[in-house]
Amino acid sequence: MKINKGTKIPIFITVWKIKNFSHSWHDGNNHLDSASFTIDSLRGTTWSLSLSFRGKRWNEKKLCVYLKRCDYLRQRIIIDFNFTLLATDGSRQQLHQITNHQFKNCHACGIQDFKDCEELFTNQRATLLPFDTLTLQCCIWYKKASPKKFAQCFLSTEIEIQQSSFIWSIKKFSSYSNEALKLSTCVRFPSKGRDSSYMKLRLIEDYSRDNNIHIAVFKKYDYPCITKCKISMLGTNGTIIISMQEKYLFAYENEFWKIPFFFKKSKLLENKDLYLPNDKLTLQCNFAISDGVVLNKIEKFIYGLSSIQTKNLMMETAKQYTAVKTTASKSSDLNLSSNSLKNDLLCLYEEGKLCDFALQVGNELLYVHKAVLCARSPVFKTMLTSDMNETINQVIAVPDLDIDIVRRMLIFMYTDTTSNLEWETANKLYAAAHQYGIVDLKRICSNFLKSSLCIANVGEILLLADLHADEDLKNLAWDFIYYNDKEVICSTEWEAFMQKDVQLAAEIMHLIFLRKTKSIHSKEKALSEIH
């Protein structure tokens, strides 16, 4: 493909993050759309990104991506554009290019079979779907626009999910005859402002297949939704004996889902001490559903490029075009080989296989592997190799941490990977890493906080650094205040900081005064020596 010299730098780049991506059920008739955005350099036209899935079965589905023009202006615009997936290491994968395409109003163009879904959700999950977030980038080139009008847009879409976790206990299990074994319970979800939705679970014995016991799921409402479930059988002391994890798309009205074979009644009765303590079958059920409700927003716009950014961008796009030219139709071969160990460990954690311990965060239990926790955290190692009551009971309480932060911490411990950091997340994750002695995670969060340092948050960073005795982070914050003292001290955020820690604020003001006084004396001495 030939690219004119004047079009090597894209005129517009948009980055779209889709959270809870695995809960998307959108097919060819129902696209998932981003927030719309206006590109001034393209005559003020309005655009959006869109995606959908093509194929009947999950293991056969393909991800399709599109660029849409959303306005009603009459003029047509000819552009080049490409799509790439951004990986956790910053690399660009799955590059596809479209050139000289004419967009009229309310028109869409894109790539069908952009990505194989089975590969995305399995082999490359750790690399391309960290924390179940897909990041799609679209670059646009327009010959008639000046590179000085470059702009970048960051979009986010969150697929809303509802979760429900509960224990289903069936007492006097052995007393139920084959005919009576049709027990049921309801799965309720928080309403979040909508009608409270629920599903019904039913325990069913299959007489035609050696009395296998299945769990059937019945959905109340008729709208399509993705349902994920994890069901674990608990033995004595709440230990997990067997666990299974499945995913299903409810697409039609009056549809029910028969979860694959779980266990045999005869086997349970033969090993009652293990499976049926006190003649009670105990199932821990975790459900998550999504009915397609999304929250779209534009995170930010960035206009213009510095000379350094321009040079870097030219180098990046030149590499992209070279890759397209040399691979031609074999664009699928551009995928970088993923780290199989990270992927396997992530699957081990997410699927809950062979778990031998649990962390209790509030009312939720997160099932983990002792070996991983001991290898990654000296604090957990001390806990798990002692005779604490929590260790004996196979559960450790994790106080004062959000469930999302603990999940992120665990994923880092399993995969050595963290992504999609934001200010608040990095702040909390830093504290968690310090608490459990995870040095590398603390360093990553510290570097992120340093790069995010500004007038609005320097006080919060100081409090964090002082609380955890991080002298390096603290000194950097001091230097920032010293060189931006007027702006910082006059800000409302600094007033709030002084109310939180008067002593630390006074210490900083004193240090600033001493440094400035010393600087003035040094200048006066230098001037006197000159004269």
Protein backbone atom coordinates (compact mmCIF):
# COMPACT_ATOMS: atom_id res chain seq x y z
CA MET A 1 0.00 0.00 0.00
CA LYS A 2 1.33 3.43 -0.93
CA ILE A 3 0.97 6.32 1.51
CA ASN A 4 1.63 9.91 0.47
CA LYS A 5 4.31 11.75 2.40
CA GLY A 6 1.84 14.29 3.66
CA THR A 7 -0.41 11.70 5.26
CA LYS A 8 2.01 9.68 7.38
CA ILE A 9 0.81 11.33 10.58
CA PRO A 10 -2.84 10.53 11.30
CA ILE A 11 -5.10 13.53 11.67
CA PHE A 12 -7.14 11.86 14.40
CA ILE A 13 -6.71 8.96 16.81
CA THR A 14 -9.43 7.58 19.01
CA VAL A 15 -8.92 4.99 21.75
CA TRP A 16 -12.00 3.11 22.93
CA LYS A 17 -11.97 1.11 26.17
CA ILE A 18 -14.85 -1.34 26.66
CA LYS A 19 -15.21 -2.58 30.23
CA ASN A 20 -16.88 -5.92 31.05
CA PHE A 21 -16.36 -6.84 27.42
CA SER A 22 -17.04 -10.55 27.86
CA HIS A 23 -20.62 -9.63 28.82
CA SER A 24 -21.32 -8.18 25.37
CA TRP A 25 -23.94 -10.13 23.43
CA HIS A 26 -24.35 -7.76 20.47
CA ASP A 27 -24.85 -9.56 17.16
CA GLY A 28 -25.14 -8.29 13.59
CA ASN A 29 -28.53 -6.68 14.26
CA ASN A 30 -27.55 -5.05 17.56
CA HIS A 31 -24.24 -3.19 17.49
CA LEU A 32 -22.39 -1.91 20.53
CA ASP A 33 -21.68 1.77 19.81
CA SER A 34 -19.25 4.17 21.46
CA ALA A 35 -20.06 7.74 22.38
CA SER A 36 -20.11 9.96 19.28
CA PHE A 37 -17.35 12.55 18.76
CA THR A 38 -16.80 15.48 16.41
CA ILE A 39 -13.63 15.80 14.29
CA ASP A 40 -13.01 19.46 13.45
CA SER A 41 -10.37 18.64 10.83
CA LEU A 42 -12.94 16.53 8.94
CA ARG A 43 -15.24 19.49 8.31
CA GLY A 44 -16.86 19.22 11.72
CA THR A 45 -18.42 15.82 11.02
CA THR A 46 -19.55 13.46 13.80
CA TRP A 47 -18.34 9.88 14.17
CA SER A 48 -18.46 6.83 16.43
CA LEU A 49 -16.92 3.37 16.69
CA SER A 50 -19.02 0.24 16.69
CA LEU A 51 -18.61 -3.51 17.08
CA SER A 52 -20.64 -6.70 16.96
CA PHE A 53 -20.19 -10.47 16.86
CA ARG A 54 -20.82 -12.73 13.89
CA GLY A 55 -21.48 -16.46 14.21
CA LYS A 56 -23.86 -18.78 16.05
CA ARG A 57 -21.67 -20.57 18.59
CA TRP A 58 -19.25 -18.88 20.99
CA ASN A 59 -16.29 -20.90 19.74
CA GLU A 60 -17.10 -19.87 16.14
CA LYS A 61 -17.86 -16.17 16.67
CA LYS A 62 -15.85 -13.39 15.04
CA LEU A 63 -15.48 -9.84 16.29
CA CYS A 64 -16.46 -7.19 13.72
CA VAL A 65 -15.43 -3.51 14.08
CA TYR A 66 -16.72 -0.42 12.26
CA LEU A 67 -16.16 3.30 11.90
CA LYS A 68 -19.48 5.15 11.62
CA ARG A 69 -20.26 8.62 10.37
CA CYS A 70 -23.26 9.87 12.37
CA ASP A 71 -24.05 13.36 11.04
CA TYR A 72 -26.47 14.49 8.32
CA LEU A 73 -24.14 16.88 6.45
CA ARG A 74 -24.27 16.44 2.68
CA GLN A 75 -20.56 16.51 1.76
CA ARG A 76 -18.69 13.25 1.26
CA ILE A 77 -15.26 12.66 2.78
CA ILE A 78 -12.53 10.29 1.56
CA ILE A 79 -10.24 8.99 4.31
CA ASP A 80 -7.80 6.21 5.19
CA PHE A 81 -8.23 4.50 8.54
CA ASN A 82 -7.11 1.46 10.48
CA PHE A 83 -8.08 -0.55 13.54
CA THR A 84 -5.73 -2.12 16.08
CA LEU A 85 -6.08 -3.77 19.47
CA LEU A 86 -3.85 -2.37 22.20
CA ALA A 87 -2.17 -4.95 24.42
CA THR A 88 -1.12 -4.60 28.05
CA ASP A 89 2.53 -4.09 27.06
CA GLY A 90 1.59 -1.18 24.78
CA SER A 91 2.03 -3.14 21.56
CA ARG A 92 -0.50 -2.93 18.71
CA GLN A 93 -2.02 -6.18 17.52
CA GLN A 94 -4.45 -7.27 14.83
CA LEU A 95 -3.78 -4.32 12.49
CA HIS A 96 -6.28 -3.87 9.64
CA GLN A 97 -6.18 -0.98 7.14
CA ILE A 98 -8.81 0.51 4.81
CA THR A 99 -7.76 3.14 2.25
CA ASN A 100 -9.52 5.72 0.09
CA HIS A 101 -12.95 4.99 1.47
CA GLN A 102 -15.70 7.51 0.78
CA PHE A 103 -17.97 8.23 3.72
CA LYS A 104 -21.33 9.85 3.16
CA ASN A 105 -23.61 10.85 6.02
CA CYS A 106 -24.98 8.07 8.25
CA HIS A 107 -22.60 5.56 6.66
CA ALA A 108 -20.46 2.83 8.27
CA CYS A 109 -17.46 0.85 7.07
CA GLY A 110 -15.29 -1.65 8.87
CA ILE A 111 -13.71 -5.06 9.19
CA GLN A 112 -15.73 -8.24 9.46
CA ASP A 113 -13.89 -11.18 11.01
CA PHE A 114 -11.54 -8.69 12.69
CA LYS A 115 -10.66 -11.08 15.51
CA ASP A 116 -11.39 -14.70 16.37
CA CYS A 117 -13.36 -14.64 19.65
CA GLU A 118 -12.18 -18.00 20.93
CA GLU A 119 -8.57 -16.84 20.64
CA LEU A 120 -9.41 -13.49 22.23
CA PHE A 121 -11.18 -15.00 25.24
CA THR A 122 -8.68 -17.83 25.85
CA ASN A 123 -5.09 -17.70 24.55
CA GLN A 124 -4.80 -13.91 24.47
CA ARG A 125 -7.08 -13.01 27.36
CA ALA A 126 -4.29 -11.82 29.68
CA THR A 127 -2.74 -9.70 26.92
CA LEU A 128 -5.79 -8.21 25.20
CA LEU A 129 -8.52 -8.45 27.87
CA PRO A 130 -6.95 -7.39 31.18
CA PHE A 131 -9.66 -6.99 33.82
CA ASP A 132 -12.15 -7.89 31.08
CA THR A 133 -11.43 -4.61 29.25
CA LEU A 134 -10.86 -4.47 25.48
CA THR A 135 -8.95 -1.48 24.09
CA LEU A 136 -9.54 -0.66 20.42
CA GLN A 137 -7.65 2.08 18.57
CA CYS A 138 -8.70 3.73 15.32
CA CYS A 139 -6.35 6.05 13.37
CA ILE A 140 -7.70 8.31 10.61
CA TRP A 141 -5.76 9.97 7.77
CA TYR A 142 -7.18 12.83 5.68
CA LYS A 143 -5.08 14.29 2.86
CA LYS A 144 -6.65 17.75 2.99
CA ALA A 145 -5.99 18.34 6.70
CA SER A 146 -2.85 19.82 8.24
CA PRO A 147 -0.94 17.74 10.83
CA LYS A 148 -1.16 20.79 13.09
CA LYS A 149 -4.85 20.01 13.52
CA PHE A 150 -4.12 16.61 15.05
CA ALA A 151 -6.47 15.55 17.84
CA GLN A 152 -6.85 12.50 20.03
CA CYS A 153 -10.01 11.27 21.72
CA PHE A 154 -10.37 8.77 24.57
CA LEU A 155 -13.70 6.98 24.87
CA SER A 156 -15.01 4.53 27.42
CA THR A 157 -17.97 2.18 27.45
CA GLU A 158 -19.00 0.12 30.44
CA ILE A 159 -21.35 -2.78 29.90
CA GLU A 160 -23.48 -2.79 33.00
CA ILE A 161 -23.61 -6.08 34.88
CA GLN A 162 -25.57 -7.24 37.88
CA GLN A 163 -24.09 -9.80 40.23
CA SER A 164 -25.54 -12.14 42.80
CA SER A 165 -23.68 -14.44 45.20
CA PHE A 166 -25.43 -16.77 47.61
CA ILE A 167 -25.31 -20.15 49.32
CA TRP A 168 -27.92 -22.72 48.31
CA SER A 169 -28.29 -25.28 51.10
CA ILE A 170 -30.43 -28.38 50.62
CA LYS A 171 -31.06 -30.14 53.92
CA LYS A 172 -31.89 -33.86 54.25
CA PHE A 173 -30.65 -34.39 50.71
CA SER A 174 -30.59 -38.19 50.92
CA SER A 175 -34.28 -38.31 51.86
CA TYR A 176 -35.43 -36.97 48.48
CA SER A 177 -36.67 -39.62 46.09
CA ASN A 178 -35.97 -39.42 42.38
CA GLU A 179 -39.41 -37.99 41.72
CA ALA A 180 -39.04 -35.34 44.42
CA LEU A 181 -35.62 -34.11 43.35
CA LYS A 182 -36.80 -31.00 41.53
CA LEU A 183 -35.69 -28.39 44.02
CA SER A 184 -35.54 -24.74 43.05
CA THR A 185 -34.38 -21.37 44.33
CA CYS A 186 -34.45 -17.80 43.01
CA VAL A 187 -31.47 -15.72 41.90
CA ARG A 188 -32.10 -12.06 42.68
CA PHE A 189 -30.08 -9.08 41.50
CA PRO A 190 -29.93 -5.46 42.70
CA SER A 191 -32.34 -3.33 40.70
CA LYS A 192 -29.99 -0.38 40.01
CA GLY A 193 -33.00 1.80 39.25
CA ARG A 194 -34.72 -0.75 37.00
CA ASP A 195 -37.22 -3.49 37.77
CA SER A 196 -35.52 -6.08 39.94
CA SER A 197 -34.70 -9.03 37.72
CA TYR A 198 -34.25 -12.61 38.80
CA MET A 199 -33.65 -16.10 37.55
CA LYS A 200 -34.71 -19.45 38.92
CA LEU A 201 -32.37 -22.39 39.51
CA ARG A 202 -33.68 -25.91 39.54
CA LEU A 203 -31.87 -29.08 40.54
CA ILE A 204 -32.89 -31.83 38.11
CA GLU A 205 -31.99 -35.53 38.08
CA ASP A 206 -31.49 -37.08 34.65
CA TYR A 207 -32.81 -40.65 34.85
CA SER A 208 -31.63 -41.53 31.35
CA ARG A 209 -27.96 -40.87 32.15
CA ASP A 210 -27.02 -42.75 35.31
CA ASN A 211 -28.90 -40.34 37.56
CA ASN A 212 -26.70 -37.37 36.71
CA ILE A 213 -27.77 -34.19 38.49
CA HIS A 214 -28.01 -31.04 36.40
CA ILE A 215 -28.80 -27.45 37.24
CA ALA A 216 -31.33 -25.74 35.00
CA VAL A 217 -31.54 -21.94 34.81
CA PHE A 218 -34.80 -20.22 33.89
CA LYS A 219 -34.86 -16.50 33.02
CA LYS A 220 -37.86 -14.35 33.90
CA TYR A 221 -37.58 -11.54 31.34
CA ASP A 222 -37.65 -11.88 27.57
CA TYR A 223 -34.77 -9.54 26.67
CA PRO A 224 -31.44 -11.07 25.54
CA CYS A 225 -28.71 -11.28 28.14
CA ILE A 226 -25.34 -12.86 28.76
CA THR A 227 -25.25 -14.99 31.90
CA LYS A 228 -22.09 -16.18 33.62
CA CYS A 229 -22.15 -18.54 36.55
CA LYS A 230 -19.72 -20.24 38.85
CA ILE A 231 -21.15 -22.99 41.05
CA SER A 232 -19.06 -24.74 43.69
CA MET A 233 -19.91 -27.66 45.96
CA LEU A 234 -18.76 -27.00 49.52
CA GLY A 235 -17.66 -29.64 51.99
CA THR A 236 -16.79 -29.39 55.67
CA ASN A 237 -15.47 -26.00 56.86
CA GLY A 238 -16.66 -24.45 53.61
CA THR A 239 -13.86 -25.92 51.49
CA ILE A 240 -14.50 -26.23 47.76
CA ILE A 241 -14.72 -29.84 46.60
CA ILE A 242 -15.66 -29.32 42.98
CA SER A 243 -16.35 -26.22 40.93
CA MET A 244 -17.58 -25.38 37.45
CA GLN A 245 -17.82 -22.16 35.46
CA GLU A 246 -20.04 -21.61 32.42
CA LYS A 247 -21.37 -18.84 30.15
CA TYR A 248 -24.61 -18.69 28.18
CA LEU A 249 -26.53 -16.27 25.95
CA PHE A 250 -30.27 -16.14 26.56
CA ALA A 251 -31.48 -15.01 23.14
CA TYR A 252 -35.14 -16.08 23.04
CA GLU A 253 -38.28 -15.88 25.13
CA ASN A 254 -39.14 -18.83 27.43
CA GLU A 255 -35.64 -20.24 26.98
CA PHE A 256 -33.90 -22.22 29.71
CA TRP A 257 -30.28 -23.20 30.15
CA LYS A 258 -29.31 -26.69 31.24
CA ILE A 259 -25.86 -26.41 32.76
CA PRO A 260 -23.67 -29.39 31.75
CA PHE A 261 -23.37 -32.46 33.99
CA PHE A 262 -22.22 -31.49 37.44
CA PHE A 263 -22.35 -34.59 39.69
CA LYS A 264 -24.09 -37.93 40.28
CA LYS A 265 -26.50 -38.47 43.15
CA SER A 266 -25.16 -41.98 43.77
CA LYS A 267 -21.61 -40.67 44.19
CA LEU A 268 -22.80 -38.07 46.70
CA LEU A 269 -24.59 -40.71 48.77
CA GLU A 270 -21.57 -43.04 48.70
CA ASN A 271 -19.33 -40.30 50.14
CA LYS A 272 -21.73 -38.50 52.47
CA ASP A 273 -19.02 -37.49 54.94
CA LEU A 274 -17.21 -35.57 52.21
CA TYR A 275 -20.03 -34.31 50.00
CA LEU A 276 -23.02 -34.22 52.37
CA PRO A 277 -21.90 -33.25 55.88
CA ASN A 278 -24.95 -33.49 58.16
CA ASP A 279 -26.88 -34.76 55.12
CA LYS A 280 -26.80 -31.28 53.61
CA LEU A 281 -25.81 -30.39 50.04
CA THR A 282 -24.23 -26.93 49.99
CA LEU A 283 -23.70 -25.05 46.73
CA GLN A 284 -22.04 -21.67 46.47
CA CYS A 285 -23.57 -19.83 43.51
CA ASN A 286 -22.11 -16.77 41.78
CA PHE A 287 -24.08 -15.24 38.91
CA ALA A 288 -23.47 -12.21 36.70
CA ILE A 289 -25.85 -11.00 34.00
CA SER A 290 -25.83 -8.26 31.40
CA ASP A 291 -28.89 -7.19 29.43
CA GLY A 292 -26.99 -4.83 27.14
CA VAL A 293 -27.31 -1.59 29.10
CA VAL A 294 -24.17 0.47 28.50
CA LEU A 295 -22.67 3.63 29.95
CA ASN A 296 -20.91 5.68 27.27
CA LYS A 297 -18.74 8.72 27.79
CA ILE A 298 -15.90 10.73 26.30
CA GLU A 299 -13.02 10.68 28.79
CA LYS A 300 -10.98 13.49 27.23
CA PHE A 301 -9.79 15.23 24.06
CA ILE A 302 -6.17 16.18 23.37
CA TYR A 303 -5.41 18.74 20.67
CA GLY A 304 -2.10 19.33 18.89
CA LEU A 305 1.28 17.59 19.11
CA SER A 306 4.65 18.61 20.47
CA SER A 307 7.66 18.08 18.20
CA ILE A 308 8.71 15.00 20.20
CA GLN A 309 5.23 13.51 20.01
CA THR A 310 5.13 14.17 16.26
CA LYS A 311 8.43 12.36 15.75
CA ASN A 312 7.32 9.38 17.84
CA LEU A 313 3.98 9.20 16.07
CA MET A 314 5.66 9.28 12.65
CA MET A 315 7.91 6.39 13.71
CA GLU A 316 4.94 4.37 14.99
CA THR A 317 2.79 4.90 11.90
CA ALA A 318 5.72 4.15 9.59
CA LYS A 319 6.11 0.79 11.35
CA GLN A 320 2.39 0.14 10.98
CA TYR A 321 2.40 0.85 7.24
CA THR A 322 5.51 -1.26 6.72
CA ALA A 323 3.79 -4.12 8.54
CA VAL A 324 0.68 -3.80 6.38
CA LYS A 325 2.71 -3.68 3.18
CA THR A 326 4.89 -6.68 3.98
CA THR A 327 2.12 -8.91 5.27
CA ALA A 328 -0.57 -7.97 2.71
CA SER A 329 -3.55 -10.25 3.26
CA LYS A 330 -1.85 -12.09 6.12
CA SER A 331 -2.69 -9.41 8.67
CA SER A 332 -3.79 -12.03 11.15
CA ASP A 333 -0.15 -13.13 11.42
CA LEU A 334 0.72 -9.79 13.03
CA ASN A 335 -0.37 -11.10 16.44
CA LEU A 336 2.53 -11.17 18.84
CA SER A 337 3.02 -14.47 20.63
CA SER A 338 1.33 -14.22 24.00
CA ASN A 339 2.89 -15.26 27.23
CA SER A 340 1.42 -18.72 27.74
CA LEU A 341 2.38 -18.88 31.42
CA LYS A 342 0.53 -15.65 32.19
CA ASN A 343 -2.52 -16.81 30.26
CA ASP A 344 -2.54 -20.21 31.95
CA LEU A 345 -2.17 -18.73 35.43
CA LEU A 346 -4.92 -16.20 34.73
CA CYS A 347 -7.24 -19.00 33.61
CA LEU A 348 -6.31 -21.00 36.70
CA TYR A 349 -7.36 -18.06 38.90
CA GLU A 350 -10.50 -17.07 36.98
CA GLU A 351 -11.80 -20.62 36.63
CA GLY A 352 -11.09 -21.40 40.29
CA LYS A 353 -9.48 -24.74 39.52
CA LEU A 354 -7.69 -26.57 42.37
CA CYS A 355 -8.16 -23.64 44.76
CA ASP A 356 -7.20 -24.48 48.35
CA PHE A 357 -7.86 -21.20 50.14
CA ALA A 358 -10.14 -18.16 50.18
CA LEU A 359 -9.89 -14.44 50.90
CA GLN A 360 -12.98 -12.90 52.44
CA VAL A 361 -13.65 -9.33 51.28
CA GLY A 362 -16.82 -8.07 52.89
CA ASN A 363 -19.48 -10.66 52.15
CA GLU A 364 -17.65 -12.14 49.15
CA LEU A 365 -15.13 -14.98 48.97
CA LEU A 366 -12.30 -14.98 46.42
CA TYR A 367 -10.81 -18.45 45.91
CA VAL A 368 -7.05 -18.63 45.45
CA HIS A 369 -4.02 -20.92 45.55
CA LYS A 370 -1.75 -20.88 48.60
CA ALA A 371 1.38 -21.52 46.54
CA VAL A 372 0.86 -18.39 44.43
CA LEU A 373 0.14 -16.16 47.44
CA CYS A 374 3.18 -17.47 49.34
CA ALA A 375 5.46 -16.98 46.35
CA ARG A 376 4.30 -13.41 45.67
CA SER A 377 3.72 -11.92 49.12
CA PRO A 378 5.87 -12.32 52.26
CA VAL A 379 2.89 -11.18 54.34
CA PHE A 380 0.62 -13.90 52.99
CA LYS A 381 3.47 -16.39 53.33
CA THR A 382 3.74 -15.63 57.05
CA MET A 383 -0.01 -15.95 57.49
CA LEU A 384 -0.32 -19.20 55.55
CA THR A 385 2.60 -20.95 57.22
CA SER A 386 1.49 -20.13 60.78
CA ASP A 387 -1.08 -21.72 63.05
CA MET A 388 -3.52 -18.82 62.91
CA ASN A 389 -7.21 -19.68 63.25
CA GLU A 390 -7.85 -18.15 59.83
CA THR A 391 -5.32 -20.50 58.24
CA ILE A 392 -6.87 -23.52 59.90
CA ASN A 393 -10.32 -22.47 58.63
CA GLN A 394 -8.92 -21.96 55.10
CA VAL A 395 -10.16 -18.34 55.01
CA ILE A 396 -8.35 -15.04 55.64
CA ALA A 397 -10.30 -11.81 56.01
CA VAL A 398 -9.01 -8.86 53.98
CA PRO A 399 -10.24 -5.73 55.78
CA ASP A 400 -10.33 -2.13 54.57
CA LEU A 401 -9.92 -2.98 50.86
CA ASP A 402 -12.47 -2.81 48.03
CA ILE A 403 -13.30 -6.03 46.22
CA ASP A 404 -12.12 -4.55 42.90
CA ILE A 405 -8.73 -3.62 44.39
CA VAL A 406 -8.25 -7.11 45.85
CA ARG A 407 -9.11 -8.67 42.48
CA ARG A 408 -6.58 -6.41 40.74
CA MET A 409 -3.95 -7.30 43.34
CA LEU A 410 -4.60 -11.01 42.85
CA ILE A 411 -4.43 -10.77 39.06
CA PHE A 412 -1.05 -9.05 39.40
CA MET A 413 0.13 -11.81 41.75
CA TYR A 414 -0.88 -14.46 39.20
CA THR A 415 0.22 -12.71 35.99
CA ASP A 416 2.66 -9.93 36.96
CA THR A 417 0.42 -7.63 34.91
CA THR A 418 -1.62 -4.56 35.69
CA SER A 419 -3.35 -2.19 33.30
CA ASN A 420 -6.10 0.40 32.98
CA LEU A 421 -4.71 2.23 35.98
CA GLU A 422 -6.46 5.41 36.95
CA TRP A 423 -5.63 7.88 39.71
CA GLU A 424 -8.00 6.48 42.35
CA THR A 425 -7.25 2.86 41.45
CA ALA A 426 -3.47 3.36 41.57
CA ASN A 427 -3.79 5.14 44.93
CA LYS A 428 -5.70 2.25 46.52
CA LEU A 429 -3.62 -0.44 44.81
CA TYR A 430 -0.43 1.22 46.08
CA ALA A 431 -1.74 0.98 49.65
CA ALA A 432 -2.73 -2.68 49.15
CA ALA A 433 0.69 -3.55 47.69
CA HIS A 434 2.39 -1.90 50.67
CA GLN A 435 0.14 -3.73 53.13
CA TYR A 436 0.97 -7.15 51.67
CA GLY A 437 4.59 -6.49 50.72
CA ILE A 438 4.17 -6.84 46.95
CA VAL A 439 7.20 -4.75 45.98
CA ASP A 440 6.86 -4.77 42.18
CA LEU A 441 3.20 -3.78 42.28
CA LYS A 442 3.99 -0.95 44.70
CA ARG A 443 6.73 0.29 42.36
CA ILE A 444 4.40 0.25 39.34
CA CYS A 445 1.72 2.19 41.22
CA SER A 446 4.32 4.63 42.54
CA ASN A 447 5.59 5.34 39.02
CA PHE A 448 2.02 5.90 37.83
CA LEU A 449 1.35 8.34 40.69
CA LYS A 450 4.58 10.20 39.89
CA SER A 451 3.57 10.58 36.24
CA SER A 452 0.12 11.80 37.32
CA LEU A 453 1.42 14.42 39.76
CA CYS A 454 -0.42 17.74 39.44
CA ILE A 455 -1.64 20.68 41.52
CA ALA A 456 -4.96 18.98 42.25
CA ASN A 457 -3.52 15.75 43.68
CA VAL A 458 -0.10 16.63 45.12
CA GLY A 459 -1.61 16.83 48.62
CA GLU A 460 -3.12 13.34 48.34
CA ILE A 461 0.19 11.95 47.09
CA LEU A 462 1.99 13.56 50.04
CA LEU A 463 -0.43 11.96 52.50
CA LEU A 464 0.02 8.57 50.83
CA ALA A 465 3.83 8.83 50.75
CA ASP A 466 3.98 10.00 54.37
CA LEU A 467 1.64 7.23 55.56
CA HIS A 468 3.74 4.51 53.90
CA ALA A 469 7.15 6.13 54.52
CA ASP A 470 7.94 6.38 50.81
CA GLU A 471 10.74 8.96 50.85
CA ASP A 472 11.27 8.90 47.08
CA LEU A 473 7.63 9.72 46.33
CA LYS A 474 7.54 12.25 49.16
CA ASN A 475 10.64 14.11 47.91
CA LEU A 476 9.22 14.28 44.39
CA ALA A 477 6.02 15.81 45.74
CA TRP A 478 8.04 18.31 47.79
CA ASP A 479 10.00 19.37 44.70
CA PHE A 480 6.77 19.81 42.75
CA ILE A 481 5.35 22.07 45.46
CA TYR A 482 8.60 24.04 45.67
CA TYR A 483 8.60 24.86 41.96
CA ASN A 484 4.84 25.49 41.82
CA ASP A 485 4.35 26.96 45.28
CA LYS A 486 1.99 29.83 44.40
CA GLU A 487 -0.38 27.69 42.32
CA VAL A 488 -0.40 24.83 44.84
CA ILE A 489 -0.80 26.85 48.04
CA CYS A 490 -3.60 29.00 46.55
CA SER A 491 -5.60 25.98 45.38
CA THR A 492 -8.74 24.66 47.08
CA GLU A 493 -7.20 21.17 47.11
CA TRP A 494 -4.34 22.46 49.28
CA GLU A 495 -6.82 23.95 51.74
CA ALA A 496 -8.47 20.53 52.03
CA PHE A 497 -5.04 18.93 52.50
CA MET A 498 -4.16 21.31 55.36
CA GLN A 499 -7.35 20.33 57.16
CA LYS A 500 -6.44 16.65 56.90
CA ASP A 501 -2.84 16.96 58.19
CA VAL A 502 -1.88 20.33 59.67
CA GLN A 503 1.51 19.09 60.90
CA LEU A 504 2.62 17.76 57.50
CA ALA A 505 1.43 20.95 55.78
CA ALA A 506 3.39 23.07 58.28
CA GLU A 507 6.50 20.92 57.74
CA ILE A 508 6.29 21.45 53.98
CA MET A 509 5.78 25.21 54.30
CA HIS A 510 8.82 25.37 56.59
CA LEU A 511 10.97 23.44 54.12
CA ILE A 512 9.87 25.67 51.24
CA PHE A 513 10.78 28.76 53.27
CA LEU A 514 14.22 27.37 54.15
CA ARG A 515 14.99 26.35 50.55
CA LYS A 516 13.92 29.69 49.12
CA THR A 517 15.86 31.61 51.81
CA LYS A 518 18.96 29.53 51.07
CA SER A 519 18.50 30.16 47.34
CA ILE A 520 18.25 33.93 47.88
CA HIS A 521 21.39 33.96 50.05
CA SER A 522 23.28 31.97 47.41
CA LYS A 523 22.29 34.46 44.70
CA GLU A 524 23.29 37.45 46.87
CA LYS A 525 26.65 35.85 47.62
CA ALA A 526 27.27 35.18 43.93
CA LEU A 527 26.44 38.80 43.03
CA SER A 528 28.74 40.16 45.73
CA GLU A 529 31.62 38.06 44.44
CA ILE A 530 31.06 39.40 40.92
CA HIS A 531 31.19 43.00 42.13
